[in-house]
Amino acid sequence: MDNSDMSASREMPRYKCVKEVWALKIAEIKQDGEGENRETDGSAMITPADEGFAPFKVSAAYMNKHKPQVGGYYVRYKDGYESWSPAEAFEEGYRRMP
């Protein structure tokens, strides 16, 4: 990270991530009600790119907060928190476990 735009006189401390997460790369996102003539509840169905995983529903709150995009990752932490990460950032920070 370039700190030239920061007012601090020295570089901030650096940290390395060692968390384990569960994640699936997103192949498709279909908004609730998409293609239908009805009001939506704001939720969506995410289709994973990984074979063998069924599409799953995420809430309107998840969609509004994280604004996931195809190609990125749906991420779930040990405490159950759900998030989204752009592919480049995720793949730079995490390696798939055997």
PDB file of N, CA and C in Angstrom:
ATOM      1  N   MET A   1       0.847  -1.181   0.000  1.00  0.00           N
ATOM      2  CA  MET A   1       0.000   0.000   0.000  1.00  0.00           C
ATOM      3  C   MET A   1       0.888   1.238   0.000  1.00  0.00           C
ATOM      4  N   ASP A   2       0.557   2.177  -0.788  1.00  0.00           N
ATOM      5  CA  ASP A   2       1.289   3.435  -0.845  1.00  0.00           C
ATOM      6  C   ASP A   2       0.709   4.361   0.216  1.00  0.00           C
ATOM      7  N   ASN A   3       1.553   4.809   1.115  1.00  0.00           N
ATOM      8  CA  ASN A   3       1.102   5.687   2.191  1.00  0.00           C
ATOM      9  C   ASN A   3       1.299   7.162   1.878  1.00  0.00           C
ATOM     10  N   SER A   4       1.622   7.509   0.627  1.00  0.00           N
ATOM     11  CA  SER A   4       1.909   8.899   0.277  1.00  0.00           C
ATOM     12  C   SER A   4       0.705   9.817   0.452  1.00  0.00           C
ATOM     13  N   ASP A   5      -0.496   9.264   0.446  1.00  0.00           N
ATOM     14  CA  ASP A   5      -1.679  10.094   0.585  1.00  0.00           C
ATOM     15  C   ASP A   5      -2.139  10.201   2.040  1.00  0.00           C
ATOM     16  N   MET A   6      -1.382   9.635   2.965  1.00  0.00           N
ATOM     17  CA  MET A   6      -1.763   9.647   4.366  1.00  0.00           C
ATOM     18  C   MET A   6      -0.962  10.713   5.105  1.00  0.00           C
ATOM     19  N   SER A   7      -1.533  11.251   6.152  1.00  0.00           N
ATOM     20  CA  SER A   7      -0.863  12.305   6.892  1.00  0.00           C
ATOM     21  C   SER A   7       0.151  11.769   7.908  1.00  0.00           C
ATOM     22  N   ALA A   8       0.170  10.465   8.164  1.00  0.00           N
ATOM     23  CA  ALA A   8       1.125   9.885   9.114  1.00  0.00           C
ATOM     24  C   ALA A   8       2.546  10.040   8.582  1.00  0.00           C
ATOM     25  N   SER A   9       3.475  10.213   9.494  1.00  0.00           N
ATOM     26  CA  SER A   9       4.867  10.414   9.085  1.00  0.00           C
ATOM     27  C   SER A   9       5.604   9.105   8.849  1.00  0.00           C
ATOM     28  N   ARG A  10       4.972   8.001   9.146  1.00  0.00           N
ATOM     29  CA  ARG A  10       5.599   6.700   8.901  1.00  0.00           C
ATOM     30  C   ARG A  10       4.549   5.688   8.464  1.00  0.00           C
ATOM     31  N   GLU A  11       5.015   4.580   7.931  1.00  0.00           N
ATOM     32  CA  GLU A  11       4.112   3.547   7.422  1.00  0.00           C
ATOM     33  C   GLU A  11       3.331   2.907   8.573  1.00  0.00           C
ATOM     34  N   MET A  12       2.065   2.646   8.316  1.00  0.00           N
ATOM     35  CA  MET A  12       1.235   1.974   9.313  1.00  0.00           C
ATOM     36  C   MET A  12       1.738   0.548   9.517  1.00  0.00           C
ATOM     37  N   PRO A  13       1.433  -0.074  10.677  1.00  0.00           N
ATOM     38  CA  PRO A  13       1.811  -1.468  10.892  1.00  0.00           C
ATOM     39  C   PRO A  13       1.115  -2.358   9.863  1.00  0.00           C
ATOM     40  N   ARG A  14       1.797  -3.409   9.431  1.00  0.00           N
ATOM     41  CA  ARG A  14       1.233  -4.351   8.466  1.00  0.00           C
ATOM     42  C   ARG A  14       0.761  -5.598   9.191  1.00  0.00           C
ATOM     43  N   TYR A  15      -0.285  -6.234   8.644  1.00  0.00           N
ATOM     44  CA  TYR A  15      -0.860  -7.439   9.228  1.00  0.00           C
ATOM     45  C   TYR A  15      -1.024  -8.489   8.146  1.00  0.00           C
ATOM     46  N   LYS A  16      -0.892  -9.738   8.523  1.00  0.00           N
ATOM     47  CA  LYS A  16      -1.103 -10.843   7.586  1.00  0.00           C
ATOM     48  C   LYS A  16      -2.300 -11.653   8.063  1.00  0.00           C
ATOM     49  N   CYS A  17      -3.200 -11.965   7.156  1.00  0.00           N
ATOM     50  CA  CYS A  17      -4.417 -12.704   7.474  1.00  0.00           C
ATOM     51  C   CYS A  17      -4.113 -14.195   7.610  1.00  0.00           C
ATOM     52  N   VAL A  18      -4.600 -14.790   8.688  1.00  0.00           N
ATOM     53  CA  VAL A  18      -4.432 -16.231   8.887  1.00  0.00           C
ATOM     54  C   VAL A  18      -5.776 -16.886   9.224  1.00  0.00           C
ATOM     55  N   LYS A  19      -6.855 -16.248   8.834  1.00  0.00           N
ATOM     56  CA  LYS A  19      -8.194 -16.768   9.105  1.00  0.00           C
ATOM     57  C   LYS A  19      -8.538 -17.914   8.163  1.00  0.00           C
ATOM     58  N   GLU A  20      -9.367 -18.820   8.638  1.00  0.00           N
ATOM     59  CA  GLU A  20      -9.958 -19.834   7.777  1.00  0.00           C
ATOM     60  C   GLU A  20     -11.394 -19.421   7.517  1.00  0.00           C
ATOM     61  N   VAL A  21     -11.807 -19.471   6.261  1.00  0.00           N
ATOM     62  CA  VAL A  21     -13.169 -19.119   5.879  1.00  0.00           C
ATOM     63  C   VAL A  21     -13.712 -20.180   4.936  1.00  0.00           C
ATOM     64  N   TRP A  22     -15.003 -20.169   4.770  1.00  0.00           N
ATOM     65  CA  TRP A  22     -15.656 -20.991   3.761  1.00  0.00           C
ATOM     66  C   TRP A  22     -16.040 -20.033   2.645  1.00  0.00           C
ATOM     67  N   ALA A  23     -15.814 -20.415   1.408  1.00  0.00           N
ATOM     68  CA  ALA A  23     -16.092 -19.487   0.314  1.00  0.00           C
ATOM     69  C   ALA A  23     -16.424 -20.231  -0.971  1.00  0.00           C
ATOM     70  N   LEU A  24     -17.222 -19.582  -1.799  1.00  0.00           N
ATOM     71  CA  LEU A  24     -17.567 -20.086  -3.125  1.00  0.00           C
ATOM     72  C   LEU A  24     -17.474 -18.939  -4.121  1.00  0.00           C
ATOM     73  N   LYS A  25     -16.833 -19.208  -5.248  1.00  0.00           N
ATOM     74  CA  LYS A  25     -16.778 -18.215  -6.317  1.00  0.00           C
ATOM     75  C   LYS A  25     -18.169 -18.119  -6.946  1.00  0.00           C
ATOM     76  N   ILE A  26     -18.586 -16.917  -7.271  1.00  0.00           N
ATOM     77  CA  ILE A  26     -19.943 -16.683  -7.776  1.00  0.00           C
ATOM     78  C   ILE A  26     -19.972 -16.712  -9.299  1.00  0.00           C
ATOM     79  N   ALA A  27     -20.811 -17.599  -9.840  1.00  0.00           N
ATOM     80  CA  ALA A  27     -20.985 -17.702 -11.293  1.00  0.00           C
ATOM     81  C   ALA A  27     -22.173 -16.879 -11.774  1.00  0.00           C
ATOM     82  N   GLU A  28     -23.200 -16.775 -10.923  1.00  0.00           N
ATOM     83  CA  GLU A  28     -24.419 -16.064 -11.326  1.00  0.00           C
ATOM     84  C   GLU A  28     -25.142 -15.551 -10.093  1.00  0.00           C
ATOM     85  N   ILE A  29     -25.769 -14.394 -10.250  1.00  0.00           N
ATOM     86  CA  ILE A  29     -26.620 -13.834  -9.201  1.00  0.00           C
ATOM     87  C   ILE A  29     -27.951 -13.498  -9.843  1.00  0.00           C
ATOM     88  N   LYS A  30     -29.013 -14.071  -9.296  1.00  0.00           N
ATOM     89  CA  LYS A  30     -30.349 -13.787  -9.821  1.00  0.00           C
ATOM     90  C   LYS A  30     -31.176 -13.139  -8.715  1.00  0.00           C
ATOM     91  N   GLN A  31     -31.530 -11.878  -8.936  1.00  0.00           N
ATOM     92  CA  GLN A  31     -32.335 -11.135  -7.977  1.00  0.00           C
ATOM     93  C   GLN A  31     -33.716 -11.769  -7.857  1.00  0.00           C
ATOM     94  N   ASP A  32     -34.266 -11.766  -6.648  1.00  0.00           N
ATOM     95  CA  ASP A  32     -35.625 -12.255  -6.448  1.00  0.00           C
ATOM     96  C   ASP A  32     -36.568 -11.485  -7.357  1.00  0.00           C
ATOM     97  N   GLY A  33     -37.411 -12.200  -8.065  1.00  0.00           N
ATOM     98  CA  GLY A  33     -38.392 -11.577  -8.942  1.00  0.00           C
ATOM     99  C   GLY A  33     -37.863 -11.210 -10.308  1.00  0.00           C
ATOM    100  N   GLU A  34     -36.572 -11.417 -10.562  1.00  0.00           N
ATOM    101  CA  GLU A  34     -35.980 -11.067 -11.862  1.00  0.00           C
ATOM    102  C   GLU A  34     -36.684 -11.842 -12.977  1.00  0.00           C
ATOM    103  N   GLY A  35     -37.161 -11.134 -13.968  1.00  0.00           N
ATOM    104  CA  GLY A  35     -37.858 -11.757 -15.093  1.00  0.00           C
ATOM    105  C   GLY A  35     -39.312 -12.081 -14.792  1.00  0.00           C
ATOM    106  N   GLU A  36     -39.763 -11.752 -13.601  1.00  0.00           N
ATOM    107  CA  GLU A  36     -41.155 -12.002 -13.214  1.00  0.00           C
ATOM    108  C   GLU A  36     -41.845 -10.650 -13.034  1.00  0.00           C
ATOM    109  N   ASN A  37     -43.121 -10.650 -13.211  1.00  0.00           N
ATOM    110  CA  ASN A  37     -43.880  -9.413 -13.060  1.00  0.00           C
ATOM    111  C   ASN A  37     -44.466  -9.340 -11.653  1.00  0.00           C
ATOM    112  N   ARG A  38     -43.573  -9.140 -10.679  1.00  0.00           N
ATOM    113  CA  ARG A  38     -44.015  -9.032  -9.298  1.00  0.00           C
ATOM    114  C   ARG A  38     -42.993  -8.225  -8.499  1.00  0.00           C
ATOM    115  N   GLU A  39     -43.404  -7.814  -7.321  1.00  0.00           N
ATOM    116  CA  GLU A  39     -42.515  -7.056  -6.446  1.00  0.00           C
ATOM    117  C   GLU A  39     -41.468  -7.994  -5.850  1.00  0.00           C
ATOM    118  N   THR A  40     -40.255  -7.511  -5.688  1.00  0.00           N
ATOM    119  CA  THR A  40     -39.174  -8.314  -5.138  1.00  0.00           C
ATOM    120  C   THR A  40     -39.048  -8.120  -3.627  1.00  0.00           C
ATOM    121  N   ASP A  41     -38.487  -9.132  -2.951  1.00  0.00           N
ATOM    122  CA  ASP A  41     -38.204  -8.980  -1.521  1.00  0.00           C
ATOM    123  C   ASP A  41     -36.752  -8.549  -1.295  1.00  0.00           C
ATOM    124  N   GLY A  42     -36.002  -8.367  -2.410  1.00  0.00           N
ATOM    125  CA  GLY A  42     -34.631  -7.890  -2.312  1.00  0.00           C
ATOM    126  C   GLY A  42     -33.579  -8.966  -2.147  1.00  0.00           C
ATOM    127  N   SER A  43     -34.018 -10.203  -1.929  1.00  0.00           N
ATOM    128  CA  SER A  43     -33.069 -11.305  -1.787  1.00  0.00           C
ATOM    129  C   SER A  43     -32.558 -11.723  -3.168  1.00  0.00           C
ATOM    130  N   ALA A  44     -31.664 -12.691  -3.196  1.00  0.00           N
ATOM    131  CA  ALA A  44     -31.146 -13.183  -4.476  1.00  0.00           C
ATOM    132  C   ALA A  44     -30.702 -14.627  -4.331  1.00  0.00           C
ATOM    133  N   MET A  45     -30.592 -15.306  -5.459  1.00  0.00           N
ATOM    134  CA  MET A  45     -30.038 -16.654  -5.516  1.00  0.00           C
ATOM    135  C   MET A  45     -28.650 -16.544  -6.118  1.00  0.00           C
ATOM    136  N   ILE A  46     -27.672 -17.125  -5.430  1.00  0.00           N
ATOM    137  CA  ILE A  46     -26.295 -17.152  -5.919  1.00  0.00           C
ATOM    138  C   ILE A  46     -26.000 -18.552  -6.433  1.00  0.00           C
ATOM    139  N   THR A  47     -25.498 -18.628  -7.660  1.00  0.00           N
ATOM    140  CA  THR A  47     -25.075 -19.901  -8.237  1.00  0.00           C
ATOM    141  C   THR A  47     -23.556 -19.961  -8.163  1.00  0.00           C
ATOM    142  N   PRO A  48     -23.023 -20.948  -7.422  1.00  0.00           N
ATOM    143  CA  PRO A  48     -21.567 -21.068  -7.311  1.00  0.00           C
ATOM    144  C   PRO A  48     -20.922 -21.543  -8.612  1.00  0.00           C
ATOM    145  N   ALA A  49     -19.691 -21.091  -8.845  1.00  0.00           N
ATOM    146  CA  ALA A  49     -18.923 -21.551  -9.997  1.00  0.00           C
ATOM    147  C   ALA A  49     -18.376 -22.953  -9.742  1.00  0.00           C
ATOM    148  N   ASP A  50     -18.155 -23.281  -8.477  1.00  0.00           N
ATOM    149  CA  ASP A  50     -17.635 -24.600  -8.119  1.00  0.00           C
ATOM    150  C   ASP A  50     -18.681 -25.677  -8.399  1.00  0.00           C
ATOM    151  N   GLU A  51     -18.278 -26.743  -9.082  1.00  0.00           N
ATOM    152  CA  GLU A  51     -19.209 -27.836  -9.394  1.00  0.00           C
ATOM    153  C   GLU A  51     -19.607 -28.560  -8.113  1.00  0.00           C
ATOM    154  N   GLY A  52     -20.837 -29.071  -8.107  1.00  0.00           N
ATOM    155  CA  GLY A  52     -21.316 -29.857  -6.987  1.00  0.00           C
ATOM    156  C   GLY A  52     -21.983 -29.050  -5.888  1.00  0.00           C
ATOM    157  N   PHE A  53     -22.120 -27.743  -6.071  1.00  0.00           N
ATOM    158  CA  PHE A  53     -22.778 -26.899  -5.084  1.00  0.00           C
ATOM    159  C   PHE A  53     -24.025 -26.289  -5.700  1.00  0.00           C
ATOM    160  N   ALA A  54     -25.133 -26.423  -5.002  1.00  0.00           N
ATOM    161  CA  ALA A  54     -26.416 -25.918  -5.486  1.00  0.00           C
ATOM    162  C   ALA A  54     -26.503 -24.407  -5.275  1.00  0.00           C
ATOM    163  N   PRO A  55     -27.320 -23.741  -6.086  1.00  0.00           N
ATOM    164  CA  PRO A  55     -27.591 -22.321  -5.840  1.00  0.00           C
ATOM    165  C   PRO A  55     -28.173 -22.148  -4.436  1.00  0.00           C
ATOM    166  N   PHE A  56     -27.922 -21.011  -3.825  1.00  0.00           N
ATOM    167  CA  PHE A  56     -28.421 -20.753  -2.477  1.00  0.00           C
ATOM    168  C   PHE A  56     -28.903 -19.314  -2.386  1.00  0.00           C
ATOM    169  N   LYS A  57     -29.826 -19.094  -1.448  1.00  0.00           N
ATOM    170  CA  LYS A  57     -30.452 -17.787  -1.285  1.00  0.00           C
ATOM    171  C   LYS A  57     -29.677 -16.941  -0.285  1.00  0.00           C
ATOM    172  N   VAL A  58     -29.531 -15.659  -0.611  1.00  0.00           N
ATOM    173  CA  VAL A  58     -28.980 -14.680   0.330  1.00  0.00           C
ATOM    174  C   VAL A  58     -30.040 -13.600   0.550  1.00  0.00           C
ATOM    175  N   SER A  59     -30.004 -13.016   1.716  1.00  0.00           N
ATOM    176  CA  SER A  59     -31.028 -12.051   2.111  1.00  0.00           C
ATOM    177  C   SER A  59     -30.870 -10.694   1.421  1.00  0.00           C
ATOM    178  N   ALA A  60     -31.924  -9.919   1.512  1.00  0.00           N
ATOM    179  CA  ALA A  60     -31.884  -8.542   1.001  1.00  0.00           C
ATOM    180  C   ALA A  60     -30.839  -7.743   1.761  1.00  0.00           C
ATOM    181  N   ALA A  61     -30.702  -7.979   3.069  1.00  0.00           N
ATOM    182  CA  ALA A  61     -29.714  -7.265   3.872  1.00  0.00           C
ATOM    183  C   ALA A  61     -28.301  -7.562   3.369  1.00  0.00           C
ATOM    184  N   TYR A  62     -28.027  -8.823   3.029  1.00  0.00           N
ATOM    185  CA  TYR A  62     -26.720  -9.208   2.483  1.00  0.00           C
ATOM    186  C   TYR A  62     -26.483  -8.487   1.153  1.00  0.00           C
ATOM    187  N   MET A  63     -27.475  -8.507   0.286  1.00  0.00           N
ATOM    188  CA  MET A  63     -27.339  -7.866  -1.031  1.00  0.00           C
ATOM    189  C   MET A  63     -27.095  -6.367  -0.891  1.00  0.00           C
ATOM    190  N   ASN A  64     -27.830  -5.713  -0.007  1.00  0.00           N
ATOM    191  CA  ASN A  64     -27.692  -4.266   0.178  1.00  0.00           C
ATOM    192  C   ASN A  64     -26.358  -3.880   0.793  1.00  0.00           C
ATOM    193  N   LYS A  65     -25.903  -4.677   1.753  1.00  0.00           N
ATOM    194  CA  LYS A  65     -24.653  -4.351   2.441  1.00  0.00           C
ATOM    195  C   LYS A  65     -23.425  -4.650   1.593  1.00  0.00           C
ATOM    196  N   HIS A  66     -23.392  -5.817   0.936  1.00  0.00           N
ATOM    197  CA  HIS A  66     -22.171  -6.273   0.270  1.00  0.00           C
ATOM    198  C   HIS A  66     -22.157  -6.037  -1.237  1.00  0.00           C
ATOM    199  N   LYS A  67     -23.316  -5.894  -1.836  1.00  0.00           N
ATOM    200  CA  LYS A  67     -23.407  -5.668  -3.286  1.00  0.00           C
ATOM    201  C   LYS A  67     -22.505  -6.631  -4.071  1.00  0.00           C
ATOM    202  N   PRO A  68     -22.737  -7.947  -3.887  1.00  0.00           N
ATOM    203  CA  PRO A  68     -21.874  -8.940  -4.541  1.00  0.00           C
ATOM    204  C   PRO A  68     -21.957  -8.855  -6.059  1.00  0.00           C
ATOM    205  N   GLN A  69     -20.871  -9.276  -6.700  1.00  0.00           N
ATOM    206  CA  GLN A  69     -20.796  -9.285  -8.156  1.00  0.00           C
ATOM    207  C   GLN A  69     -20.299 -10.645  -8.628  1.00  0.00           C
ATOM    208  N   VAL A  70     -20.754 -11.047  -9.800  1.00  0.00           N
ATOM    209  CA  VAL A  70     -20.307 -12.288 -10.421  1.00  0.00           C
ATOM    210  C   VAL A  70     -18.790 -12.236 -10.580  1.00  0.00           C
ATOM    211  N   GLY A  71     -18.146 -13.361 -10.284  1.00  0.00           N
ATOM    212  CA  GLY A  71     -16.693 -13.454 -10.379  1.00  0.00           C
ATOM    213  C   GLY A  71     -16.016 -13.286  -9.033  1.00  0.00           C
ATOM    214  N   GLY A  72     -16.712 -12.659  -8.082  1.00  0.00           N
ATOM    215  CA  GLY A  72     -16.182 -12.514  -6.735  1.00  0.00           C
ATOM    216  C   GLY A  72     -16.533 -13.724  -5.894  1.00  0.00           C
ATOM    217  N   TYR A  73     -16.319 -13.625  -4.601  1.00  0.00           N
ATOM    218  CA  TYR A  73     -16.539 -14.748  -3.694  1.00  0.00           C
ATOM    219  C   TYR A  73     -17.550 -14.423  -2.614  1.00  0.00           C
ATOM    220  N   TYR A  74     -18.490 -15.356  -2.400  1.00  0.00           N
ATOM    221  CA  TYR A  74     -19.349 -15.353  -1.222  1.00  0.00           C
ATOM    222  C   TYR A  74     -18.493 -15.969  -0.123  1.00  0.00           C
ATOM    223  N   VAL A  75     -18.382 -15.282   1.013  1.00  0.00           N
ATOM    224  CA  VAL A  75     -17.491 -15.725   2.087  1.00  0.00           C
ATOM    225  C   VAL A  75     -18.280 -15.856   3.389  1.00  0.00           C
ATOM    226  N   ARG A  76     -18.040 -16.959   4.113  1.00  0.00           N
ATOM    227  CA  ARG A  76     -18.653 -17.148   5.438  1.00  0.00           C
ATOM    228  C   ARG A  76     -17.532 -17.396   6.442  1.00  0.00           C
ATOM    229  N   TYR A  77     -17.552 -16.626   7.524  1.00  0.00           N
ATOM    230  CA  TYR A  77     -16.556 -16.746   8.578  1.00  0.00           C
ATOM    231  C   TYR A  77     -17.019 -17.733   9.647  1.00  0.00           C
ATOM    232  N   LYS A  78     -16.087 -18.141  10.500  1.00  0.00           N
ATOM    233  CA  LYS A  78     -16.349 -19.128  11.544  1.00  0.00           C
ATOM    234  C   LYS A  78     -17.525 -18.729  12.432  1.00  0.00           C
ATOM    235  N   ASP A  79     -17.672 -17.435  12.689  1.00  0.00           N
ATOM    236  CA  ASP A  79     -18.755 -16.965  13.558  1.00  0.00           C
ATOM    237  C   ASP A  79     -20.091 -16.829  12.826  1.00  0.00           C
ATOM    238  N   GLY A  80     -20.128 -17.218  11.538  1.00  0.00           N
ATOM    239  CA  GLY A  80     -21.362 -17.170  10.764  1.00  0.00           C
ATOM    240  C   GLY A  80     -21.540 -15.902   9.939  1.00  0.00           C
ATOM    241  N   TYR A  81     -20.672 -14.910  10.130  1.00  0.00           N
ATOM    242  CA  TYR A  81     -20.771 -13.664   9.372  1.00  0.00           C
ATOM    243  C   TYR A  81     -20.570 -13.948   7.884  1.00  0.00           C
ATOM    244  N   GLU A  82     -21.436 -13.373   7.055  1.00  0.00           N
ATOM    245  CA  GLU A  82     -21.357 -13.547   5.608  1.00  0.00           C
ATOM    246  C   GLU A  82     -20.847 -12.267   4.974  1.00  0.00           C
ATOM    247  N   SER A  83     -20.012 -12.418   3.946  1.00  0.00           N
ATOM    248  CA  SER A  83     -19.423 -11.271   3.288  1.00  0.00           C
ATOM    249  C   SER A  83     -19.245 -11.568   1.808  1.00  0.00           C
ATOM    250  N   TRP A  84     -18.690 -10.613   1.098  1.00  0.00           N
ATOM    251  CA  TRP A  84     -18.346 -10.760  -0.315  1.00  0.00           C
ATOM    252  C   TRP A  84     -16.959 -10.184  -0.504  1.00  0.00           C
ATOM    253  N   SER A  85     -16.184 -10.800  -1.386  1.00  0.00           N
ATOM    254  CA  SER A  85     -14.840 -10.304  -1.669  1.00  0.00           C
ATOM    255  C   SER A  85     -14.601 -10.314  -3.171  1.00  0.00           C
ATOM    256  N   PRO A  86     -13.991  -9.263  -3.708  1.00  0.00           N
ATOM    257  CA  PRO A  86     -13.602  -9.298  -5.117  1.00  0.00           C
ATOM    258  C   PRO A  86     -12.594 -10.436  -5.322  1.00  0.00           C
ATOM    259  N   ALA A  87     -12.620 -11.055  -6.489  1.00  0.00           N
ATOM    260  CA  ALA A  87     -11.762 -12.213  -6.765  1.00  0.00           C
ATOM    261  C   ALA A  87     -10.289 -11.911  -6.516  1.00  0.00           C
ATOM    262  N   GLU A  88      -9.789 -10.802  -7.013  1.00  0.00           N
ATOM    263  CA  GLU A  88      -8.360 -10.508  -6.887  1.00  0.00           C
ATOM    264  C   GLU A  88      -7.929 -10.436  -5.423  1.00  0.00           C
ATOM    265  N   ALA A  89      -8.676  -9.728  -4.604  1.00  0.00           N
ATOM    266  CA  ALA A  89      -8.337  -9.600  -3.185  1.00  0.00           C
ATOM    267  C   ALA A  89      -8.443 -10.941  -2.479  1.00  0.00           C
ATOM    268  N   PHE A  90      -9.496 -11.713  -2.784  1.00  0.00           N
ATOM    269  CA  PHE A  90      -9.677 -13.008  -2.137  1.00  0.00           C
ATOM    270  C   PHE A  90      -8.561 -13.971  -2.525  1.00  0.00           C
ATOM    271  N   GLU A  91      -8.295 -14.092  -3.813  1.00  0.00           N
ATOM    272  CA  GLU A  91      -7.305 -15.043  -4.281  1.00  0.00           C
ATOM    273  C   GLU A  91      -5.891 -14.667  -3.850  1.00  0.00           C
ATOM    274  N   GLU A  92      -5.643 -13.377  -3.614  1.00  0.00           N
ATOM    275  CA  GLU A  92      -4.350 -12.930  -3.111  1.00  0.00           C
ATOM    276  C   GLU A  92      -4.169 -13.293  -1.648  1.00  0.00           C
ATOM    277  N   GLY A  93      -5.252 -13.325  -0.895  1.00  0.00           N
ATOM    278  CA  GLY A  93      -5.170 -13.535   0.550  1.00  0.00           C
ATOM    279  C   GLY A  93      -5.477 -14.930   1.043  1.00  0.00           C
ATOM    280  N   TYR A  94      -6.096 -15.763   0.226  1.00  0.00           N
ATOM    281  CA  TYR A  94      -6.514 -17.088   0.676  1.00  0.00           C
ATOM    282  C   TYR A  94      -6.057 -18.168  -0.295  1.00  0.00           C
ATOM    283  N   ARG A  95      -5.746 -19.340   0.244  1.00  0.00           N
ATOM    284  CA  ARG A  95      -5.434 -20.528  -0.546  1.00  0.00           C
ATOM    285  C   ARG A  95      -6.390 -21.622  -0.133  1.00  0.00           C
ATOM    286  N   ARG A  96      -6.882 -22.379  -1.108  1.00  0.00           N
ATOM    287  CA  ARG A  96      -7.841 -23.449  -0.825  1.00  0.00           C
ATOM    288  C   ARG A  96      -7.170 -24.542  -0.007  1.00  0.00           C
ATOM    289  N   MET A  97      -7.858 -24.997   1.018  1.00  0.00           N
ATOM    290  CA  MET A  97      -7.338 -26.063   1.880  1.00  0.00           C
ATOM    291  C   MET A  97      -7.723 -27.424   1.290  1.00  0.00           C
ATOM    292  N   PRO A  98      -6.897 -28.413   1.530  1.00  0.00           N
ATOM    293  CA  PRO A  98      -7.227 -29.761   1.016  1.00  0.00           C
ATOM    294  C   PRO A  98      -8.400 -30.380   1.741  1.00  0.00           C
TER     295      PRO A  98
END
